Protein backbone atom coordinates (compact mmCIF):
# COMPACT_ATOMS: atom_id res chain seq x y z
CA MET A 1 71.49 116.90 98.65
CA PRO A 2 73.59 113.96 99.88
CA THR A 3 76.73 112.93 98.01
CA ASN A 4 78.71 109.72 97.67
CA PHE A 5 81.59 111.24 99.66
CA ASP A 6 79.62 112.51 102.68
CA ASP A 7 81.38 109.98 104.91
CA LYS A 8 84.78 111.18 103.62
CA PRO A 9 84.45 114.98 103.29
CA TRP A 10 88.24 115.38 103.29
CA LEU A 11 88.23 113.95 99.73
CA ALA A 12 86.91 117.26 98.42
CA THR A 13 90.15 118.97 99.49
CA ARG A 14 92.70 119.65 96.78
CA GLY A 15 96.14 118.50 97.80
CA GLN A 16 94.87 115.64 99.97
CA ARG A 17 97.14 112.58 99.66
CA VAL A 18 95.27 109.35 98.88
CA ARG A 19 95.77 105.70 97.94
CA ILE A 20 93.59 103.12 96.26
CA ALA A 21 92.14 100.94 99.02
CA ASN A 22 88.87 99.17 98.33
CA CYS A 23 89.05 98.23 94.69
CA PRO A 24 87.84 94.73 93.82
CA ASP A 25 90.01 94.33 90.69
CA THR A 26 93.36 96.13 90.67
CA SER A 27 94.57 94.20 87.60
CA THR A 28 92.73 96.65 85.33
CA HIS A 29 94.41 99.75 86.76
CA PRO A 30 97.55 101.41 85.45
CA PRO A 31 100.63 100.65 87.60
CA GLU A 32 100.84 104.32 88.68
CA TRP A 33 97.69 103.83 90.73
CA ASP A 34 99.76 101.86 93.26
CA ASN A 35 101.48 105.17 94.13
CA VAL A 36 100.29 107.79 96.58
CA GLY A 37 98.16 110.27 94.65
CA VAL A 38 97.12 113.88 95.18
CA VAL A 39 93.51 115.03 94.87
CA THR A 40 93.23 117.69 92.17
CA GLY A 41 89.46 118.16 92.08
CA ILE A 42 86.01 116.58 91.95
CA ILE A 43 83.47 116.23 89.16
CA LEU A 44 79.81 115.31 89.16
CA ASP A 45 79.24 111.97 87.43
CA LYS A 46 76.27 112.83 85.22
CA PHE A 47 75.83 109.18 84.24
CA LEU A 48 75.80 107.57 87.71
CA THR A 49 73.81 110.29 89.49
CA PRO A 50 70.47 109.59 87.76
CA MET A 51 71.07 105.84 87.90
CA ASN A 52 71.39 105.54 91.68
CA LYS A 53 67.65 106.20 92.33
CA LYS A 54 68.48 107.32 95.91
CA ASN A 55 68.65 111.07 95.33
CA ILE A 56 72.42 111.01 95.93
CA GLN A 57 74.75 113.10 93.81
CA MET A 58 77.53 110.83 92.59
CA TYR A 59 80.96 112.41 92.25
CA ARG A 60 84.29 111.22 90.95
CA ILE A 61 87.51 112.34 92.57
CA LEU A 62 90.29 113.49 90.25
CA VAL A 63 93.65 112.17 91.45
CA ASP A 64 97.16 112.71 90.12
CA PHE A 65 99.06 109.44 90.62
CA GLY A 66 102.01 110.65 88.54
CA GLY A 67 100.84 109.21 85.23
CA VAL A 68 100.12 110.95 81.96
CA GLU A 69 96.47 111.59 82.83
CA HIS A 70 94.71 112.22 86.11
CA ALA A 71 92.59 109.35 87.41
CA SER A 72 88.84 109.80 87.85
CA VAL A 73 87.75 107.41 90.61
CA LEU A 74 84.81 106.88 92.92
CA PRO A 75 85.38 107.98 96.54
CA SER A 76 84.59 104.53 97.90
CA ILE A 77 87.90 103.10 96.68
CA LEU A 78 90.11 105.79 98.23
CA LYS A 79 91.75 106.13 101.62
CA ARG A 80 94.10 108.69 103.14
CA ALA A 81 97.76 108.05 102.50
């Protein structure tokens, strides 16, 4: 089944260094998200997957940006650092 990170398979690799790239509104993010982050895992988004109506499994990438909690972001806003 296709996923929302098929065009960026390297995102599924723990330890990959990433940055926020394609986010339309960065004013709502914590300041730590401006840092380089490290991928710590992926999780299936059980809310978005049934909503997409395209038979695509929607995942969120868990990223440690150095804050208190790990970020859970969609792959489309990430790029390699």
